[in-house]
Amino acid sequence: MKNTFFTFMLKDLLLARRNILIWLIIAFPIFTAFGASGITETYSDMPKIVVLKDTKQPVTIPAEIMVYEVSSYEDMKTKVRDLDTKIGFMNGKLITDGRESPKSVKKAAAILDGKPIEAGKLSPTLFNKVYAFNLYGSFLFFGMILLFSLVEERKNKTIDLQHVQPAHPAIPVLAKLTVASIITLVDFVVCSFILNVPFNIVPILFIIIIGILLGTVLGLSMAFYASTETQALAILKPITFVFLISIPGLGLFLESDIVRIIAMFNPFYWFLQLIYSLYTNDLDLSYLYLSFTLCIIALLFIIVNWHRTPYGRKKFN
C-alpha cells in the first residue's frame, strides 16, 4: 500500500509540474507578498529600530514601533543597510545608512530623546493586517489545486482505472492532498520569510493544520458538483470572490460591527484571524476550536457520502 500511495503521489507531482495553472497558483501569493512588503516599507514614515540584544535602552521605545534585536554591531549594520526604514540605536546615537527618509530619522531622534512622536497614516497595525491577508493567500488556493486535480482525472477518464487498481479508493485522494499540502507549505514558508512572520512554532503548526483542513473541505465539497474545468471555474468564481476574499478581508480591515458580525459566519474569516494573531501575539482559541470542529464534522460528512461522487467506489446493496 505504501508503494501504491507514493506511486500516486509521484504521478500527481509530475502532473503538477507540467501544469502552468499550478505554477501560477504557486507564484501568485509570493508575488503579492513581495508587493505588500514593498508597499508598506516604501510608504511608511515610521522607523524600525534595531538594538543590540540584552542591552538596556536609555529610553522607552513606543509599543507601535517595530524593534529588531541583533547580537553584534556588524549584524546591526547589515540590518540598517536594508532598503526599508531600519535605524540602529547604539550608545545613545542613531545608526543610519543615509537612505532613510528625513521623517523617519527625525522620529527616531525624537524617540532617542524621549519625546512623543506622531504615528504615520499607515500604522503598524494596518501593516500587520496587510501582511496577514497576504499570508492567508498562501492557503487560499489549496482547495483549488485539489479541485482541479480531481477534475483532471475525470477529464482524462482515468477514474475507472483507479477503481480497478489494487489500492484503497482513499489512496489517490490522499496522494492529491499530500501534493496540494506540499505546494501550500512551500508558499507559506516563502511568504512567511518575506512578510516577517514572528516565529512561534505552536501557533504556526495550528494554522497550517487548520488551513489544510479548510482547503480539503472546500476542494472536496466542490468536487461533488464540478465534473469539468468549466464547471469548476464557474463554481470557483463566486466562492473565491465572496466567500474567500471579500467577506474575510472586509471583516479584518473594516471597523464596522455589522461587517464583522456577517464575517463571523464565515470559517475562512476565523482562519484569517488566526493568521493575524501571529502578528498580534494573541491567539484566540475560540477561532481555533470553531475551525477545527467545523472541519472534522464536514470531513466526516464528506467521507460518508464520498461514494456518491465519481471519485469513490459505488456502494451496492
C-alpha atoms as a PDB file:
ATOM      1  CA  MET A   1       0.000   0.000   0.000  1.00  0.00           C
ATOM      2  CA  LYS A   2       2.905   2.348   0.734  1.00  0.00           C
ATOM      3  CA  ASN A   3       4.317   1.822  -2.727  1.00  0.00           C
ATOM      4  CA  THR A   4       0.875   2.469  -4.205  1.00  0.00           C
ATOM      5  CA  PHE A   5       0.500   5.735  -2.275  1.00  0.00           C
ATOM      6  CA  PHE A   6       3.908   7.013  -3.366  1.00  0.00           C
ATOM      7  CA  THR A   7       3.167   5.937  -6.942  1.00  0.00           C
ATOM      8  CA  PHE A   8       0.013   8.061  -6.966  1.00  0.00           C
ATOM      9  CA  MET A   9       1.805  10.940  -5.271  1.00  0.00           C
ATOM     10  CA  LEU A  10       4.669  10.863  -7.753  1.00  0.00           C
ATOM     11  CA  LYS A  11       2.184  10.862 -10.626  1.00  0.00           C
ATOM     12  CA  ASP A  12       0.392  13.908  -9.180  1.00  0.00           C
ATOM     13  CA  LEU A  13       3.686  15.719  -8.590  1.00  0.00           C
ATOM     14  CA  LEU A  14       4.686  15.145 -12.213  1.00  0.00           C
ATOM     15  CA  LEU A  15       1.298  16.351 -13.445  1.00  0.00           C
ATOM     16  CA  ALA A  16       1.504  19.429 -11.205  1.00  0.00           C
ATOM     17  CA  ARG A  17       4.986  20.218 -12.505  1.00  0.00           C
ATOM     18  CA  ARG A  18       3.680  20.277 -16.086  1.00  0.00           C
ATOM     19  CA  ASN A  19       0.553  22.285 -15.238  1.00  0.00           C
ATOM     20  CA  ILE A  20       1.037  26.009 -15.868  1.00  0.00           C
ATOM     21  CA  LEU A  21      -2.018  26.774 -13.706  1.00  0.00           C
ATOM     22  CA  ILE A  22      -0.312  25.158 -10.701  1.00  0.00           C
ATOM     23  CA  TRP A  23       2.795  27.269 -11.266  1.00  0.00           C
ATOM     24  CA  LEU A  24       0.665  30.408 -11.396  1.00  0.00           C
ATOM     25  CA  ILE A  25      -1.064  29.371  -8.173  1.00  0.00           C
ATOM     26  CA  ILE A  26       2.332  28.873  -6.506  1.00  0.00           C
ATOM     27  CA  ALA A  27       3.700  32.192  -7.756  1.00  0.00           C
ATOM     28  CA  PHE A  28       0.689  34.413  -7.044  1.00  0.00           C
ATOM     29  CA  PRO A  29       0.886  34.600  -3.207  1.00  0.00           C
ATOM     30  CA  ILE A  30       4.670  35.042  -3.379  1.00  0.00           C
ATOM     31  CA  PHE A  31       4.354  37.967  -5.797  1.00  0.00           C
ATOM     32  CA  THR A  32       1.636  39.590  -3.690  1.00  0.00           C
ATOM     33  CA  ALA A  33       3.794  39.105  -0.581  1.00  0.00           C
ATOM     34  CA  PHE A  34       6.653  40.978  -2.260  1.00  0.00           C
ATOM     35  CA  GLY A  35       4.168  43.673  -3.282  1.00  0.00           C
ATOM     36  CA  ALA A  36       2.721  44.055   0.217  1.00  0.00           C
ATOM     37  CA  SER A  37       6.156  44.160   1.800  1.00  0.00           C
ATOM     38  CA  GLY A  38       7.424  46.711  -0.702  1.00  0.00           C
ATOM     39  CA  ILE A  39       4.395  49.000  -0.476  1.00  0.00           C
ATOM     40  CA  THR A  40       4.299  49.120   3.321  1.00  0.00           C
ATOM     41  CA  GLU A  41       8.039  49.682   3.553  1.00  0.00           C
ATOM     42  CA  THR A  42       8.010  52.393   0.893  1.00  0.00           C
ATOM     43  CA  TYR A  43       5.096  54.403   2.263  1.00  0.00           C
ATOM     44  CA  SER A  44       5.951  54.054   5.935  1.00  0.00           C
ATOM     45  CA  ASP A  45       7.449  57.060   7.701  1.00  0.00           C
ATOM     46  CA  MET A  46       7.662  55.111  10.948  1.00  0.00           C
ATOM     47  CA  PRO A  47      11.210  53.956  11.742  1.00  0.00           C
ATOM     48  CA  LYS A  48      12.018  50.382  12.649  1.00  0.00           C
ATOM     49  CA  ILE A  49      14.546  50.313  15.456  1.00  0.00           C
ATOM     50  CA  VAL A  50      17.495  47.923  15.581  1.00  0.00           C
ATOM     51  CA  VAL A  51      19.049  47.351  19.006  1.00  0.00           C
ATOM     52  CA  LEU A  52      21.713  45.074  20.448  1.00  0.00           C
ATOM     53  CA  LYS A  53      20.323  42.021  22.227  1.00  0.00           C
ATOM     54  CA  ASP A  54      20.441  42.078  26.042  1.00  0.00           C
ATOM     55  CA  THR A  55      21.326  45.771  26.028  1.00  0.00           C
ATOM     56  CA  LYS A  56      19.188  48.042  28.163  1.00  0.00           C
ATOM     57  CA  GLN A  57      17.969  51.047  26.193  1.00  0.00           C
ATOM     58  CA  PRO A  58      18.288  54.531  27.704  1.00  0.00           C
ATOM     59  CA  VAL A  59      14.736  55.362  26.563  1.00  0.00           C
ATOM     60  CA  THR A  60      11.409  53.552  26.278  1.00  0.00           C
ATOM     61  CA  ILE A  61      10.601  52.701  22.682  1.00  0.00           C
ATOM     62  CA  PRO A  62       6.857  53.162  21.919  1.00  0.00           C
ATOM     63  CA  ALA A  63       4.835  49.967  21.556  1.00  0.00           C
ATOM     64  CA  GLU A  64       3.783  50.771  17.973  1.00  0.00           C
ATOM     65  CA  ILE A  65       7.428  50.827  16.816  1.00  0.00           C
ATOM     66  CA  MET A  66       8.817  47.543  15.470  1.00  0.00           C
ATOM     67  CA  VAL A  67      12.074  46.580  17.192  1.00  0.00           C
ATOM     68  CA  TYR A  68      14.692  44.139  15.867  1.00  0.00           C
ATOM     69  CA  GLU A  69      17.278  42.649  18.197  1.00  0.00           C
ATOM     70  CA  VAL A  70      20.709  41.696  16.835  1.00  0.00           C
ATOM     71  CA  SER A  71      23.677  40.088  18.512  1.00  0.00           C
ATOM     72  CA  SER A  72      26.519  42.300  17.225  1.00  0.00           C
ATOM     73  CA  TYR A  73      27.354  45.676  15.743  1.00  0.00           C
ATOM     74  CA  GLU A  74      28.072  44.026  12.381  1.00  0.00           C
ATOM     75  CA  ASP A  75      24.589  42.477  12.371  1.00  0.00           C
ATOM     76  CA  MET A  76      23.161  45.905  13.182  1.00  0.00           C
ATOM     77  CA  LYS A  77      24.917  47.474  10.188  1.00  0.00           C
ATOM     78  CA  THR A  78      23.602  44.680   7.956  1.00  0.00           C
ATOM     79  CA  LYS A  79      20.025  45.270   9.167  1.00  0.00           C
ATOM     80  CA  VAL A  80      20.293  49.035   8.774  1.00  0.00           C
ATOM     81  CA  ARG A  81      21.566  48.656   5.204  1.00  0.00           C
ATOM     82  CA  ASP A  82      18.248  47.065   4.183  1.00  0.00           C
ATOM     83  CA  LEU A  83      16.096  49.032   1.782  1.00  0.00           C
ATOM     84  CA  ASP A  84      13.475  49.919   4.378  1.00  0.00           C
ATOM     85  CA  THR A  85      13.487  52.365   7.274  1.00  0.00           C
ATOM     86  CA  LYS A  86      15.534  50.463   9.861  1.00  0.00           C
ATOM     87  CA  ILE A  87      17.602  52.704  12.141  1.00  0.00           C
ATOM     88  CA  GLY A  88      20.006  51.494  14.808  1.00  0.00           C
ATOM     89  CA  PHE A  89      20.207  52.636  18.423  1.00  0.00           C
ATOM     90  CA  MET A  90      23.658  52.275  19.974  1.00  0.00           C
ATOM     91  CA  ASN A  91      25.289  54.165  22.846  1.00  0.00           C
ATOM     92  CA  GLY A  92      22.683  56.912  22.607  1.00  0.00           C
ATOM     93  CA  LYS A  93      23.329  57.516  18.900  1.00  0.00           C
ATOM     94  CA  LEU A  94      21.500  56.764  15.651  1.00  0.00           C
ATOM     95  CA  ILE A  95      23.000  54.292  13.188  1.00  0.00           C
ATOM     96  CA  THR A  96      21.793  55.010   9.634  1.00  0.00           C
ATOM     97  CA  ASP A  97      22.976  54.357   6.087  1.00  0.00           C
ATOM     98  CA  GLY A  98      21.844  57.682   4.619  1.00  0.00           C
ATOM     99  CA  ARG A  99      18.894  56.300   2.654  1.00  0.00           C
ATOM    100  CA  GLU A 100      16.207  56.676   5.309  1.00  0.00           C
ATOM    101  CA  SER A 101      13.594  59.381   4.847  1.00  0.00           C
ATOM    102  CA  PRO A 102      14.074  62.614   6.826  1.00  0.00           C
ATOM    103  CA  LYS A 103      10.765  61.950   8.626  1.00  0.00           C
ATOM    104  CA  SER A 104      11.940  58.534   9.798  1.00  0.00           C
ATOM    105  CA  VAL A 105      15.264  59.882  11.050  1.00  0.00           C
ATOM    106  CA  LYS A 106      13.502  62.761  12.801  1.00  0.00           C
ATOM    107  CA  LYS A 107      11.100  60.407  14.557  1.00  0.00           C
ATOM    108  CA  ALA A 108      13.925  58.061  15.544  1.00  0.00           C
ATOM    109  CA  ALA A 109      15.833  61.014  17.017  1.00  0.00           C
ATOM    110  CA  ALA A 110      12.709  62.046  18.937  1.00  0.00           C
ATOM    111  CA  ILE A 111      12.385  58.534  20.358  1.00  0.00           C
ATOM    112  CA  LEU A 112      16.044  58.625  21.401  1.00  0.00           C
ATOM    113  CA  ASP A 113      15.449  61.969  23.126  1.00  0.00           C
ATOM    114  CA  GLY A 114      12.390  60.563  24.913  1.00  0.00           C
ATOM    115  CA  LYS A 115       9.971  62.841  23.063  1.00  0.00           C
ATOM    116  CA  PRO A 116       6.497  61.760  21.852  1.00  0.00           C
ATOM    117  CA  ILE A 117       6.050  61.018  18.144  1.00  0.00           C
ATOM    118  CA  GLU A 118       3.034  61.070  15.857  1.00  0.00           C
ATOM    119  CA  ALA A 119       2.061  57.851  14.119  1.00  0.00           C
ATOM    120  CA  GLY A 120       2.002  57.933  10.337  1.00  0.00           C
ATOM    121  CA  LYS A 121      -1.098  57.463   8.199  1.00  0.00           C
ATOM    122  CA  LEU A 122      -0.191  53.831   7.693  1.00  0.00           C
ATOM    123  CA  SER A 123       0.156  52.372  11.171  1.00  0.00           C
ATOM    124  CA  PRO A 124       1.986  49.160  12.051  1.00  0.00           C
ATOM    125  CA  THR A 125      -1.424  47.655  12.844  1.00  0.00           C
ATOM    126  CA  LEU A 126      -2.513  48.198   9.244  1.00  0.00           C
ATOM    127  CA  PHE A 127       0.801  46.777   8.034  1.00  0.00           C
ATOM    128  CA  ASN A 128       0.202  43.634  10.080  1.00  0.00           C
ATOM    129  CA  LYS A 129      -3.295  43.245   8.634  1.00  0.00           C
ATOM    130  CA  VAL A 130      -1.939  43.592   5.092  1.00  0.00           C
ATOM    131  CA  TYR A 131       0.765  41.048   5.874  1.00  0.00           C
ATOM    132  CA  ALA A 132      -1.758  38.654   7.457  1.00  0.00           C
ATOM    133  CA  PHE A 133      -4.099  38.873   4.459  1.00  0.00           C
ATOM    134  CA  ASN A 134      -1.243  38.151   2.073  1.00  0.00           C
ATOM    135  CA  LEU A 135      -0.070  35.235   4.185  1.00  0.00           C
ATOM    136  CA  TYR A 136      -3.668  33.991   4.149  1.00  0.00           C
ATOM    137  CA  GLY A 137      -3.337  33.967   0.352  1.00  0.00           C
ATOM    138  CA  SER A 138      -0.764  31.179   0.552  1.00  0.00           C
ATOM    139  CA  PHE A 139      -3.564  28.869   1.767  1.00  0.00           C
ATOM    140  CA  LEU A 140      -6.257  30.374  -0.426  1.00  0.00           C
ATOM    141  CA  PHE A 141      -5.584  28.125  -3.398  1.00  0.00           C
ATOM    142  CA  PHE A 142      -5.295  24.783  -1.598  1.00  0.00           C
ATOM    143  CA  GLY A 143      -8.900  23.868  -2.387  1.00  0.00           C
ATOM    144  CA  MET A 144      -8.458  24.996  -5.997  1.00  0.00           C
ATOM    145  CA  ILE A 145      -5.385  22.794  -6.502  1.00  0.00           C
ATOM    146  CA  LEU A 146      -7.264  19.818  -5.074  1.00  0.00           C
ATOM    147  CA  LEU A 147     -10.400  20.502  -7.119  1.00  0.00           C
ATOM    148  CA  PHE A 148      -8.587  20.874 -10.448  1.00  0.00           C
ATOM    149  CA  SER A 149      -6.508  17.791  -9.679  1.00  0.00           C
ATOM    150  CA  LEU A 150      -9.703  15.759  -9.189  1.00  0.00           C
ATOM    151  CA  VAL A 151     -11.413  17.297 -12.221  1.00  0.00           C
ATOM    152  CA  GLU A 152      -8.376  16.448 -14.339  1.00  0.00           C
ATOM    153  CA  GLU A 153      -8.906  12.758 -13.532  1.00  0.00           C
ATOM    154  CA  ARG A 154     -12.449  12.984 -14.910  1.00  0.00           C
ATOM    155  CA  LYS A 155     -11.260  14.941 -17.945  1.00  0.00           C
ATOM    156  CA  ASN A 156      -8.607  12.320 -18.766  1.00  0.00           C
ATOM    157  CA  LYS A 157     -11.055   9.483 -17.975  1.00  0.00           C
ATOM    158  CA  THR A 158      -8.625   7.824 -15.541  1.00  0.00           C
ATOM    159  CA  ILE A 159     -11.049   7.443 -12.620  1.00  0.00           C
ATOM    160  CA  ASP A 160     -12.263   3.990 -13.732  1.00  0.00           C
ATOM    161  CA  LEU A 161      -8.651   2.835 -13.977  1.00  0.00           C
ATOM    162  CA  GLN A 162      -8.092   3.855 -10.355  1.00  0.00           C
ATOM    163  CA  HIS A 163     -11.150   1.863  -9.286  1.00  0.00           C
ATOM    164  CA  VAL A 164      -9.762  -1.386 -10.671  1.00  0.00           C
ATOM    165  CA  GLN A 165      -6.262  -0.936  -9.263  1.00  0.00           C
ATOM    166  CA  PRO A 166      -5.325  -2.929  -6.112  1.00  0.00           C
ATOM    167  CA  ALA A 167      -5.455   0.138  -3.890  1.00  0.00           C
ATOM    168  CA  HIS A 168      -7.923   1.557  -1.415  1.00  0.00           C
ATOM    169  CA  PRO A 169     -10.083   4.282  -3.070  1.00  0.00           C
ATOM    170  CA  ALA A 170      -8.840   6.787  -0.494  1.00  0.00           C
ATOM    171  CA  ILE A 171      -5.219   6.411  -1.629  1.00  0.00           C
ATOM    172  CA  PRO A 172      -5.475   8.535  -4.845  1.00  0.00           C
ATOM    173  CA  VAL A 173      -7.273  11.317  -2.938  1.00  0.00           C
ATOM    174  CA  LEU A 174      -4.729  11.232  -0.102  1.00  0.00           C
ATOM    175  CA  ALA A 175      -1.936  11.486  -2.680  1.00  0.00           C
ATOM    176  CA  LYS A 176      -3.559  14.588  -4.167  1.00  0.00           C
ATOM    177  CA  LEU A 177      -3.991  16.067  -0.682  1.00  0.00           C
ATOM    178  CA  THR A 178      -0.321  15.460   0.030  1.00  0.00           C
ATOM    179  CA  VAL A 179       0.787  17.177  -3.178  1.00  0.00           C
ATOM    180  CA  ALA A 180      -1.505  20.161  -2.522  1.00  0.00           C
ATOM    181  CA  SER A 181      -0.146  20.338   1.050  1.00  0.00           C
ATOM    182  CA  ILE A 182       3.458  20.384  -0.187  1.00  0.00           C
ATOM    183  CA  ILE A 183       2.691  23.224  -2.600  1.00  0.00           C
ATOM    184  CA  THR A 184       0.865  25.169   0.115  1.00  0.00           C
ATOM    185  CA  LEU A 185       3.649  24.697   2.671  1.00  0.00           C
ATOM    186  CA  VAL A 186       6.254  25.942   0.195  1.00  0.00           C
ATOM    187  CA  ASP A 187       4.169  29.071  -0.410  1.00  0.00           C
ATOM    188  CA  PHE A 188       3.589  29.556   3.316  1.00  0.00           C
ATOM    189  CA  VAL A 189       7.299  29.283   4.199  1.00  0.00           C
ATOM    190  CA  VAL A 190       8.400  31.663   1.429  1.00  0.00           C
ATOM    191  CA  CYS A 191       5.661  34.201   2.204  1.00  0.00           C
ATOM    192  CA  SER A 192       6.398  33.972   5.944  1.00  0.00           C
ATOM    193  CA  PHE A 193      10.014  34.898   5.262  1.00  0.00           C
ATOM    194  CA  ILE A 194       9.054  37.818   3.012  1.00  0.00           C
ATOM    195  CA  LEU A 195       6.383  39.130   5.410  1.00  0.00           C
ATOM    196  CA  ASN A 196       8.498  38.883   8.585  1.00  0.00           C
ATOM    197  CA  VAL A 197       6.223  36.454  10.425  1.00  0.00           C
ATOM    198  CA  PRO A 198       7.243  36.168  14.094  1.00  0.00           C
ATOM    199  CA  PHE A 199       8.452  32.606  14.590  1.00  0.00           C
ATOM    200  CA  ASN A 200       6.193  30.915  17.132  1.00  0.00           C
ATOM    201  CA  ILE A 201       6.076  27.206  16.403  1.00  0.00           C
ATOM    202  CA  VAL A 202       2.844  26.243  18.216  1.00  0.00           C
ATOM    203  CA  PRO A 203       0.500  28.829  16.598  1.00  0.00           C
ATOM    204  CA  ILE A 204       2.157  28.237  13.214  1.00  0.00           C
ATOM    205  CA  LEU A 205       1.532  24.492  13.438  1.00  0.00           C
ATOM    206  CA  PHE A 206      -2.114  25.083  14.395  1.00  0.00           C
ATOM    207  CA  ILE A 207      -2.545  27.487  11.472  1.00  0.00           C
ATOM    208  CA  ILE A 208      -1.001  25.040   8.987  1.00  0.00           C
ATOM    209  CA  ILE A 209      -3.280  22.226  10.192  1.00  0.00           C
ATOM    210  CA  ILE A 210      -6.437  24.374  10.087  1.00  0.00           C
ATOM    211  CA  GLY A 211      -5.508  25.824   6.676  1.00  0.00           C
ATOM    212  CA  ILE A 212      -5.018  22.372   5.155  1.00  0.00           C
ATOM    213  CA  LEU A 213      -8.224  21.045   6.728  1.00  0.00           C
ATOM    214  CA  LEU A 214     -10.289  24.001   5.470  1.00  0.00           C
ATOM    215  CA  GLY A 215      -8.783  23.704   1.990  1.00  0.00           C
ATOM    216  CA  THR A 216      -9.543  19.981   1.966  1.00  0.00           C
ATOM    217  CA  VAL A 217     -13.167  20.577   2.932  1.00  0.00           C
ATOM    218  CA  LEU A 218     -13.533  23.274   0.268  1.00  0.00           C
ATOM    219  CA  GLY A 219     -11.899  21.272  -2.514  1.00  0.00           C
ATOM    220  CA  LEU A 220     -13.733  18.013  -1.811  1.00  0.00           C
ATOM    221  CA  SER A 221     -17.075  19.817  -1.385  1.00  0.00           C
ATOM    222  CA  MET A 222     -16.765  21.483  -4.787  1.00  0.00           C
ATOM    223  CA  ALA A 223     -15.737  18.155  -6.326  1.00  0.00           C
ATOM    224  CA  PHE A 224     -19.275  16.886  -5.631  1.00  0.00           C
ATOM    225  CA  TYR A 225     -20.598  19.292  -8.276  1.00  0.00           C
ATOM    226  CA  ALA A 226     -17.777  20.031 -10.752  1.00  0.00           C
ATOM    227  CA  SER A 227     -17.186  17.421 -13.438  1.00  0.00           C
ATOM    228  CA  THR A 228     -15.313  19.632 -15.913  1.00  0.00           C
ATOM    229  CA  GLU A 229     -12.837  22.511 -15.690  1.00  0.00           C
ATOM    230  CA  THR A 230     -15.547  24.869 -16.967  1.00  0.00           C
ATOM    231  CA  GLN A 231     -17.896  23.855 -14.160  1.00  0.00           C
ATOM    232  CA  ALA A 232     -15.039  24.105 -11.646  1.00  0.00           C
ATOM    233  CA  LEU A 233     -14.276  27.677 -12.745  1.00  0.00           C
ATOM    234  CA  ALA A 234     -17.983  28.594 -12.666  1.00  0.00           C
ATOM    235  CA  ILE A 235     -18.203  27.389  -9.061  1.00  0.00           C
ATOM    236  CA  LEU A 236     -14.881  28.933  -8.020  1.00  0.00           C
ATOM    237  CA  LYS A 237     -15.531  32.475  -9.239  1.00  0.00           C
ATOM    238  CA  PRO A 238     -18.322  33.432  -6.796  1.00  0.00           C
ATOM    239  CA  ILE A 239     -16.892  31.327  -3.953  1.00  0.00           C
ATOM    240  CA  THR A 240     -13.425  32.856  -4.297  1.00  0.00           C
ATOM    241  CA  PHE A 241     -14.568  36.453  -4.686  1.00  0.00           C
ATOM    242  CA  VAL A 242     -17.265  36.461  -1.979  1.00  0.00           C
ATOM    243  CA  PHE A 243     -16.560  33.623   0.437  1.00  0.00           C
ATOM    244  CA  LEU A 244     -12.748  33.505   0.408  1.00  0.00           C
ATOM    245  CA  ILE A 245     -11.688  37.101  -0.269  1.00  0.00           C
ATOM    246  CA  SER A 246     -14.380  39.772   0.196  1.00  0.00           C
ATOM    247  CA  ILE A 247     -16.052  38.720   3.443  1.00  0.00           C
ATOM    248  CA  PRO A 248     -12.857  37.743   5.355  1.00  0.00           C
ATOM    249  CA  GLY A 249     -10.983  40.796   4.033  1.00  0.00           C
ATOM    250  CA  LEU A 250     -13.725  43.295   4.878  1.00  0.00           C
ATOM    251  CA  GLY A 251     -14.165  41.698   8.294  1.00  0.00           C
ATOM    252  CA  LEU A 252     -10.460  42.154   9.031  1.00  0.00           C
ATOM    253  CA  PHE A 253      -9.905  45.659   7.672  1.00  0.00           C
ATOM    254  CA  LEU A 254     -13.196  47.451   8.359  1.00  0.00           C
ATOM    255  CA  GLU A 255     -14.198  48.680  11.792  1.00  0.00           C
ATOM    256  CA  SER A 256     -17.906  48.129  11.100  1.00  0.00           C
ATOM    257  CA  ASP A 257     -19.623  45.877  13.642  1.00  0.00           C
ATOM    258  CA  ILE A 258     -22.203  44.766  11.050  1.00  0.00           C
ATOM    259  CA  VAL A 259     -19.499  43.574   8.641  1.00  0.00           C
ATOM    260  CA  ARG A 260     -17.732  41.685  11.418  1.00  0.00           C
ATOM    261  CA  ILE A 261     -20.952  40.000  12.503  1.00  0.00           C
ATOM    262  CA  ILE A 262     -21.501  38.831   8.919  1.00  0.00           C
ATOM    263  CA  ALA A 263     -17.872  37.701   8.692  1.00  0.00           C
ATOM    264  CA  MET A 264     -18.222  35.669  11.880  1.00  0.00           C
ATOM    265  CA  PHE A 265     -20.391  33.188   9.949  1.00  0.00           C
ATOM    266  CA  ASN A 266     -17.509  32.554   7.533  1.00  0.00           C
ATOM    267  CA  PRO A 267     -14.931  29.934   8.671  1.00  0.00           C
ATOM    268  CA  PHE A 268     -12.280  31.498   6.444  1.00  0.00           C
ATOM    269  CA  TYR A 269     -12.622  34.716   8.461  1.00  0.00           C
ATOM    270  CA  TRP A 270     -11.845  32.667  11.577  1.00  0.00           C
ATOM    271  CA  PHE A 271      -8.787  31.323   9.815  1.00  0.00           C
ATOM    272  CA  LEU A 272      -7.693  34.820   8.736  1.00  0.00           C
ATOM    273  CA  GLN A 273      -7.978  35.973  12.349  1.00  0.00           C
ATOM    274  CA  LEU A 274      -5.766  33.067  13.413  1.00  0.00           C
ATOM    275  CA  ILE A 275      -3.108  34.194  10.924  1.00  0.00           C
ATOM    276  CA  TYR A 276      -3.422  37.800  12.110  1.00  0.00           C
ATOM    277  CA  SER A 277      -2.801  36.576  15.658  1.00  0.00           C
ATOM    278  CA  LEU A 278       0.757  35.659  14.603  1.00  0.00           C
ATOM    279  CA  TYR A 279       1.481  39.394  14.370  1.00  0.00           C
ATOM    280  CA  THR A 280      -0.513  40.436  17.442  1.00  0.00           C
ATOM    281  CA  ASN A 281       0.799  37.519  19.550  1.00  0.00           C
ATOM    282  CA  ASP A 282      -2.745  36.975  20.796  1.00  0.00           C
ATOM    283  CA  LEU A 283      -4.057  33.594  19.637  1.00  0.00           C
ATOM    284  CA  ASP A 284      -7.854  33.462  20.071  1.00  0.00           C
ATOM    285  CA  LEU A 285      -8.597  29.843  20.954  1.00  0.00           C
ATOM    286  CA  SER A 286     -12.290  30.252  20.118  1.00  0.00           C
ATOM    287  CA  TYR A 287     -11.420  30.651  16.407  1.00  0.00           C
ATOM    288  CA  LEU A 288      -9.192  27.591  16.672  1.00  0.00           C
ATOM    289  CA  TYR A 289     -11.889  25.427  18.293  1.00  0.00           C
ATOM    290  CA  LEU A 290     -14.574  26.621  15.875  1.00  0.00           C
ATOM    291  CA  SER A 291     -12.411  25.965  12.802  1.00  0.00           C
ATOM    292  CA  PHE A 292     -11.238  22.540  13.932  1.00  0.00           C
ATOM    293  CA  THR A 293     -14.735  21.371  14.960  1.00  0.00           C
ATOM    294  CA  LEU A 294     -16.297  22.534  11.693  1.00  0.00           C
ATOM    295  CA  CYS A 295     -13.575  20.843   9.624  1.00  0.00           C
ATOM    296  CA  ILE A 296     -13.941  17.498  11.422  1.00  0.00           C
ATOM    297  CA  ILE A 297     -17.754  17.498  11.064  1.00  0.00           C
ATOM    298  CA  ALA A 298     -17.548  18.487   7.383  1.00  0.00           C
ATOM    299  CA  LEU A 299     -14.887  15.874   6.608  1.00  0.00           C
ATOM    300  CA  LEU A 300     -16.917  13.131   8.282  1.00  0.00           C
ATOM    301  CA  PHE A 301     -19.947  14.127   6.204  1.00  0.00           C
ATOM    302  CA  ILE A 302     -17.843  14.097   3.004  1.00  0.00           C
ATOM    303  CA  ILE A 303     -16.307  10.702   3.828  1.00  0.00           C
ATOM    304  CA  VAL A 304     -19.742   9.145   4.454  1.00  0.00           C
ATOM    305  CA  ASN A 305     -21.068  10.467   1.129  1.00  0.00           C
ATOM    306  CA  TRP A 306     -17.903  10.185  -0.983  1.00  0.00           C
ATOM    307  CA  HIS A 307     -19.178   7.044  -2.733  1.00  0.00           C
ATOM    308  CA  ARG A 308     -21.819   9.218  -4.415  1.00  0.00           C
ATOM    309  CA  THR A 309     -19.135  11.112  -6.327  1.00  0.00           C
ATOM    310  CA  PRO A 310     -17.387   9.723  -9.446  1.00  0.00           C
ATOM    311  CA  TYR A 311     -14.158   9.542  -7.400  1.00  0.00           C
ATOM    312  CA  GLY A 312     -15.409   6.974  -4.884  1.00  0.00           C
ATOM    313  CA  ARG A 313     -16.366   3.358  -5.411  1.00  0.00           C
ATOM    314  CA  LYS A 314     -20.102   2.850  -5.544  1.00  0.00           C
ATOM    315  CA  LYS A 315     -21.891   1.004  -2.783  1.00  0.00           C
ATOM    316  CA  PHE A 316     -24.244  -1.763  -3.906  1.00  0.00           C
ATOM    317  CA  ASN A 317     -26.909  -3.384  -1.788  1.00  0.00           C
END
